[in-house]
């Protein structure tokens, strides 16, 4: 008689996939939060920190 092991630990491949998904989501969320925070600033506030509205997307994508 054979048995099916339904309690196997996930393989390293599945763990890496899960980590990749989590990493991609985290990066996307960081970009979203940065973009929203910068878009809430006035043009004067952006100028005070040396940015323009056109810089927001680049800054959000670069993570700097």
PDB file of N, CA and C in Angstrom:
ATOM      1  N   UNK A   1       0.839  -1.169   0.000  1.00  0.00           N
ATOM      2  CA  UNK A   1       0.000   0.000   0.000  1.00  0.00           C
ATOM      3  C   UNK A   1       0.889   1.239   0.000  1.00  0.00           C
ATOM      4  N   UNK A   2       0.519   2.207  -0.792  1.00  0.00           N
ATOM      5  CA  UNK A   2       1.306   3.438  -0.848  1.00  0.00           C
ATOM      6  C   UNK A   2       0.566   4.560  -0.135  1.00  0.00           C
ATOM      7  N   UNK A   3       1.332   5.529   0.284  1.00  0.00           N
ATOM      8  CA  UNK A   3       0.749   6.672   0.990  1.00  0.00           C
ATOM      9  C   UNK A   3       1.113   7.961   0.259  1.00  0.00           C
ATOM     10  N   UNK A   4       0.251   8.910   0.372  1.00  0.00           N
ATOM     11  CA  UNK A   4       0.512  10.218  -0.220  1.00  0.00           C
ATOM     12  C   UNK A   4       0.872  11.180   0.909  1.00  0.00           C
ATOM     13  N   UNK A   5       2.006  11.794   0.772  1.00  0.00           N
ATOM     14  CA  UNK A   5       2.472  12.728   1.802  1.00  0.00           C
ATOM     15  C   UNK A   5       1.962  14.123   1.454  1.00  0.00           C
ATOM     16  N   UNK A   6       0.930  14.563   2.143  1.00  0.00           N
ATOM     17  CA  UNK A   6       0.371  15.888   1.852  1.00  0.00           C
ATOM     18  C   UNK A   6       0.994  16.975   2.733  1.00  0.00           C
ATOM     19  N   UNK A   7       1.904  16.590   3.600  1.00  0.00           N
ATOM     20  CA  UNK A   7       2.507  17.546   4.507  1.00  0.00           C
ATOM     21  C   UNK A   7       3.964  17.821   4.171  1.00  0.00           C
ATOM     22  N   UNK A   8       4.288  17.691   2.898  1.00  0.00           N
ATOM     23  CA  UNK A   8       5.661  17.950   2.485  1.00  0.00           C
ATOM     24  C   UNK A   8       5.992  19.424   2.622  1.00  0.00           C
ATOM     25  N   UNK A   9       7.227  19.687   3.003  1.00  0.00           N
ATOM     26  CA  UNK A   9       7.694  21.074   3.059  1.00  0.00           C
ATOM     27  C   UNK A   9       7.826  21.597   1.634  1.00  0.00           C
ATOM     28  N   UNK A  10       7.568  22.874   1.424  1.00  0.00           N
ATOM     29  CA  UNK A  10       7.706  23.414   0.067  1.00  0.00           C
ATOM     30  C   UNK A  10       9.150  23.314  -0.409  1.00  0.00           C
ATOM     31  N   UNK A  11       9.306  23.100  -1.685  1.00  0.00           N
ATOM     32  CA  UNK A  11      10.657  22.995  -2.227  1.00  0.00           C
ATOM     33  C   UNK A  11      11.306  24.371  -2.242  1.00  0.00           C
ATOM     34  N   UNK A  12      12.613  24.392  -2.400  1.00  0.00           N
ATOM     35  CA  UNK A  12      13.352  25.653  -2.457  1.00  0.00           C
ATOM     36  C   UNK A  12      12.860  26.495  -3.630  1.00  0.00           C
ATOM     37  N   UNK A  13      12.463  25.832  -4.701  1.00  0.00           N
ATOM     38  CA  UNK A  13      11.968  26.559  -5.877  1.00  0.00           C
ATOM     39  C   UNK A  13      10.697  27.334  -5.540  1.00  0.00           C
ATOM     40  N   UNK A  14       9.796  26.714  -4.791  1.00  0.00           N
ATOM     41  CA  UNK A  14       8.568  27.398  -4.395  1.00  0.00           C
ATOM     42  C   UNK A  14       8.860  28.521  -3.408  1.00  0.00           C
ATOM     43  N   UNK A  15       9.797  28.314  -2.508  1.00  0.00           N
ATOM     44  CA  UNK A  15      10.158  29.358  -1.552  1.00  0.00           C
ATOM     45  C   UNK A  15      10.761  30.554  -2.272  1.00  0.00           C
ATOM     46  N   UNK A  16      11.641  30.293  -3.260  1.00  0.00           N
ATOM     47  CA  UNK A  16      12.234  31.391  -4.020  1.00  0.00           C
ATOM     48  C   UNK A  16      11.182  32.155  -4.796  1.00  0.00           C
ATOM     49  N   UNK A  17      10.210  31.454  -5.346  1.00  0.00           N
ATOM     50  CA  UNK A  17       9.128  32.104  -6.077  1.00  0.00           C
ATOM     51  C   UNK A  17       8.335  33.012  -5.133  1.00  0.00           C
ATOM     52  N   UNK A  18       8.041  32.508  -3.947  1.00  0.00           N
ATOM     53  CA  UNK A  18       7.317  33.304  -2.954  1.00  0.00           C
ATOM     54  C   UNK A  18       8.106  34.540  -2.541  1.00  0.00           C
ATOM     55  N   UNK A  19       9.405  34.385  -2.369  1.00  0.00           N
ATOM     56  CA  UNK A  19      10.249  35.531  -2.009  1.00  0.00           C
ATOM     57  C   UNK A  19      10.286  36.554  -3.135  1.00  0.00           C
ATOM     58  N   UNK A  20      10.324  36.071  -4.379  1.00  0.00           N
ATOM     59  CA  UNK A  20      10.346  36.971  -5.533  1.00  0.00           C
ATOM     60  C   UNK A  20       9.037  37.761  -5.610  1.00  0.00           C
ATOM     61  N   UNK A  21       7.917  37.087  -5.434  1.00  0.00           N
ATOM     62  CA  UNK A  21       6.620  37.757  -5.459  1.00  0.00           C
ATOM     63  C   UNK A  21       6.562  38.815  -4.361  1.00  0.00           C
ATOM     64  N   UNK A  22       6.998  38.453  -3.168  1.00  0.00           N
ATOM     65  CA  UNK A  22       6.989  39.398  -2.041  1.00  0.00           C
ATOM     66  C   UNK A  22       7.896  40.586  -2.322  1.00  0.00           C
ATOM     67  N   UNK A  23       9.054  40.332  -2.929  1.00  0.00           N
ATOM     68  CA  UNK A  23       9.997  41.402  -3.252  1.00  0.00           C
ATOM     69  C   UNK A  23       9.420  42.352  -4.299  1.00  0.00           C
ATOM     70  N   UNK A  24       8.797  41.796  -5.337  1.00  0.00           N
ATOM     71  CA  UNK A  24       8.196  42.625  -6.391  1.00  0.00           C
ATOM     72  C   UNK A  24       7.065  43.467  -5.809  1.00  0.00           C
ATOM     73  N   UNK A  25       6.221  42.870  -4.988  1.00  0.00           N
ATOM     74  CA  UNK A  25       5.124  43.616  -4.383  1.00  0.00           C
ATOM     75  C   UNK A  25       5.650  44.715  -3.470  1.00  0.00           C
ATOM     76  N   UNK A  26       6.674  44.413  -2.689  1.00  0.00           N
ATOM     77  CA  UNK A  26       7.247  45.403  -1.785  1.00  0.00           C
ATOM     78  C   UNK A  26       7.831  46.584  -2.555  1.00  0.00           C
ATOM     79  N   UNK A  27       8.541  46.313  -3.643  1.00  0.00           N
ATOM     80  CA  UNK A  27       9.117  47.380  -4.462  1.00  0.00           C
ATOM     81  C   UNK A  27       8.014  48.236  -5.078  1.00  0.00           C
ATOM     82  N   UNK A  28       6.960  47.579  -5.586  1.00  0.00           N
ATOM     83  CA  UNK A  28       5.836  48.317  -6.163  1.00  0.00           C
ATOM     84  C   UNK A  28       5.188  49.215  -5.110  1.00  0.00           C
ATOM     85  N   UNK A  29       4.994  48.678  -3.920  1.00  0.00           N
ATOM     86  CA  UNK A  29       4.348  49.449  -2.864  1.00  0.00           C
ATOM     87  C   UNK A  29       5.225  50.622  -2.424  1.00  0.00           C
ATOM     88  N   UNK A  30       6.529  50.419  -2.324  1.00  0.00           N
ATOM     89  CA  UNK A  30       7.441  51.516  -1.976  1.00  0.00           C
ATOM     90  C   UNK A  30       7.364  52.631  -3.015  1.00  0.00           C
ATOM     91  N   UNK A  31       7.319  52.262  -4.290  1.00  0.00           N
ATOM     92  CA  UNK A  31       7.196  53.262  -5.358  1.00  0.00           C
ATOM     93  C   UNK A  31       5.874  54.015  -5.243  1.00  0.00           C
ATOM     94  N   UNK A  32       4.817  53.290  -4.965  1.00  0.00           N
ATOM     95  CA  UNK A  32       3.492  53.901  -4.836  1.00  0.00           C
ATOM     96  C   UNK A  32       3.454  54.897  -3.679  1.00  0.00           C
ATOM     97  N   UNK A  33       4.008  54.513  -2.536  1.00  0.00           N
ATOM     98  CA  UNK A  33       4.018  55.380  -1.360  1.00  0.00           C
ATOM     99  C   UNK A  33       4.855  56.633  -1.632  1.00  0.00           C
ATOM    100  N   UNK A  34       6.023  56.450  -2.249  1.00  0.00           N
ATOM    101  CA  UNK A  34       6.883  57.592  -2.573  1.00  0.00           C
ATOM    102  C   UNK A  34       6.186  58.531  -3.547  1.00  0.00           C
ATOM    103  N   UNK A  35       5.612  57.971  -4.597  1.00  0.00           N
ATOM    104  CA  UNK A  35       4.911  58.779  -5.607  1.00  0.00           C
ATOM    105  C   UNK A  35       3.771  59.572  -4.967  1.00  0.00           C
ATOM    106  N   UNK A  36       2.978  58.933  -4.119  1.00  0.00           N
ATOM    107  CA  UNK A  36       1.858  59.612  -3.470  1.00  0.00           C
ATOM    108  C   UNK A  36       2.339  60.716  -2.531  1.00  0.00           C
ATOM    109  N   UNK A  37       3.395  60.451  -1.779  1.00  0.00           N
ATOM    110  CA  UNK A  37       3.917  61.462  -0.851  1.00  0.00           C
ATOM    111  C   UNK A  37       4.427  62.680  -1.613  1.00  0.00           C
ATOM    112  N   UNK A  38       5.158  62.452  -2.695  1.00  0.00           N
ATOM    113  CA  UNK A  38       5.685  63.576  -3.463  1.00  0.00           C
ATOM    114  C   UNK A  38       4.573  64.331  -4.183  1.00  0.00           C
ATOM    115  N   UNK A  39       3.562  63.637  -4.656  1.00  0.00           N
ATOM    116  CA  UNK A  39       2.448  64.307  -5.331  1.00  0.00           C
ATOM    117  C   UNK A  39       1.622  65.163  -4.387  1.00  0.00           C
ATOM    118  N   UNK A  40       1.671  64.871  -3.094  1.00  0.00           N
ATOM    119  CA  UNK A  40       0.946  65.692  -2.122  1.00  0.00           C
ATOM    120  C   UNK A  40       1.637  67.019  -1.845  1.00  0.00           C
ATOM    121  N   UNK A  41       2.933  67.129  -2.184  1.00  0.00           N
ATOM    122  CA  UNK A  41       3.669  68.370  -1.953  1.00  0.00           C
ATOM    123  C   UNK A  41       3.257  69.433  -2.967  1.00  0.00           C
ATOM    124  N   UNK A  42       3.343  70.673  -2.535  1.00  0.00           N
ATOM    125  CA  UNK A  42       3.074  71.779  -3.465  1.00  0.00           C
ATOM    126  C   UNK A  42       4.292  71.981  -4.356  1.00  0.00           C
ATOM    127  N   UNK A  43       4.101  72.737  -5.446  1.00  0.00           N
ATOM    128  CA  UNK A  43       5.231  73.042  -6.332  1.00  0.00           C
ATOM    129  C   UNK A  43       6.334  73.769  -5.566  1.00  0.00           C
ATOM    130  N   UNK A  44       5.963  74.635  -4.651  1.00  0.00           N
ATOM    131  CA  UNK A  44       6.940  75.366  -3.840  1.00  0.00           C
ATOM    132  C   UNK A  44       7.747  74.411  -2.954  1.00  0.00           C
ATOM    133  N   UNK A  45       7.066  73.451  -2.335  1.00  0.00           N
ATOM    134  CA  UNK A  45       7.754  72.474  -1.484  1.00  0.00           C
ATOM    135  C   UNK A  45       8.686  71.589  -2.308  1.00  0.00           C
ATOM    136  N   UNK A  46       8.230  71.193  -3.487  1.00  0.00           N
ATOM    137  CA  UNK A  46       9.088  70.400  -4.369  1.00  0.00           C
ATOM    138  C   UNK A  46      10.328  71.204  -4.759  1.00  0.00           C
ATOM    139  N   UNK A  47      10.137  72.482  -5.081  1.00  0.00           N
ATOM    140  CA  UNK A  47      11.260  73.348  -5.448  1.00  0.00           C
ATOM    141  C   UNK A  47      12.243  73.477  -4.288  1.00  0.00           C
ATOM    142  N   UNK A  48      11.737  73.534  -3.071  1.00  0.00           N
ATOM    143  CA  UNK A  48      12.604  73.640  -1.894  1.00  0.00           C
ATOM    144  C   UNK A  48      13.532  72.435  -1.756  1.00  0.00           C
ATOM    145  N   UNK A  49      13.085  71.271  -2.206  1.00  0.00           N
ATOM    146  CA  UNK A  49      13.943  70.076  -2.116  1.00  0.00           C
ATOM    147  C   UNK A  49      14.609  69.755  -3.459  1.00  0.00           C
ATOM    148  N   UNK A  50      14.496  70.694  -4.400  1.00  0.00           N
ATOM    149  CA  UNK A  50      15.203  70.559  -5.673  1.00  0.00           C
ATOM    150  C   UNK A  50      14.556  69.645  -6.686  1.00  0.00           C
ATOM    151  N   UNK A  51      13.227  69.497  -6.611  1.00  0.00           N
ATOM    152  CA  UNK A  51      12.508  68.630  -7.541  1.00  0.00           C
ATOM    153  C   UNK A  51      11.432  69.403  -8.291  1.00  0.00           C
ATOM    154  N   UNK A  52      10.999  68.832  -9.401  1.00  0.00           N
ATOM    155  CA  UNK A  52       9.845  69.337 -10.130  1.00  0.00           C
ATOM    156  C   UNK A  52       8.856  68.188 -10.250  1.00  0.00           C
ATOM    157  N   UNK A  53       7.649  68.487 -10.684  1.00  0.00           N
ATOM    158  CA  UNK A  53       6.637  67.434 -10.870  1.00  0.00           C
ATOM    159  C   UNK A  53       7.137  66.358 -11.833  1.00  0.00           C
ATOM    160  N   UNK A  54       7.912  66.768 -12.816  1.00  0.00           N
ATOM    161  CA  UNK A  54       8.434  65.817 -13.792  1.00  0.00           C
ATOM    162  C   UNK A  54       9.449  64.841 -13.214  1.00  0.00           C
ATOM    163  N   UNK A  55      10.021  65.155 -12.057  1.00  0.00           N
ATOM    164  CA  UNK A  55      11.011  64.284 -11.419  1.00  0.00           C
ATOM    165  C   UNK A  55      10.382  63.171 -10.582  1.00  0.00           C
ATOM    166  N   UNK A  56       9.119  63.304 -10.265  1.00  0.00           N
ATOM    167  CA  UNK A  56       8.489  62.393  -9.298  1.00  0.00           C
ATOM    168  C   UNK A  56       8.558  60.937  -9.749  1.00  0.00           C
ATOM    169  N   UNK A  57       8.207  60.660 -10.984  1.00  0.00           N
ATOM    170  CA  UNK A  57       8.215  59.267 -11.455  1.00  0.00           C
ATOM    171  C   UNK A  57       9.622  58.676 -11.420  1.00  0.00           C
ATOM    172  N   UNK A  58      10.604  59.469 -11.846  1.00  0.00           N
ATOM    173  CA  UNK A  58      12.000  58.993 -11.845  1.00  0.00           C
ATOM    174  C   UNK A  58      12.466  58.692 -10.418  1.00  0.00           C
ATOM    175  N   UNK A  59      12.147  59.576  -9.500  1.00  0.00           N
ATOM    176  CA  UNK A  59      12.546  59.382  -8.094  1.00  0.00           C
ATOM    177  C   UNK A  59      11.857  58.140  -7.530  1.00  0.00           C
ATOM    178  N   UNK A  60      10.585  57.996  -7.797  1.00  0.00           N
ATOM    179  CA  UNK A  60       9.844  56.836  -7.264  1.00  0.00           C
ATOM    180  C   UNK A  60      10.412  55.527  -7.795  1.00  0.00           C
ATOM    181  N   UNK A  61      10.756  55.492  -9.089  1.00  0.00           N
ATOM    182  CA  UNK A  61      11.280  54.251  -9.679  1.00  0.00           C
ATOM    183  C   UNK A  61      12.693  53.945  -9.228  1.00  0.00           C
ATOM    184  N   UNK A  62      13.487  54.982  -8.979  1.00  0.00           N
ATOM    185  CA  UNK A  62      14.890  54.742  -8.604  1.00  0.00           C
ATOM    186  C   UNK A  62      15.035  54.338  -7.148  1.00  0.00           C
ATOM    187  N   UNK A  63      14.054  54.663  -6.328  1.00  0.00           N
ATOM    188  CA  UNK A  63      14.144  54.327  -4.918  1.00  0.00           C
ATOM    189  C   UNK A  63      15.049  55.249  -4.148  1.00  0.00           C
ATOM    190  N   UNK A  64      15.433  56.364  -4.740  1.00  0.00           N
ATOM    191  CA  UNK A  64      16.300  57.344  -4.051  1.00  0.00           C
ATOM    192  C   UNK A  64      15.524  58.535  -3.602  1.00  0.00           C
TER     193      UNK A  64
END
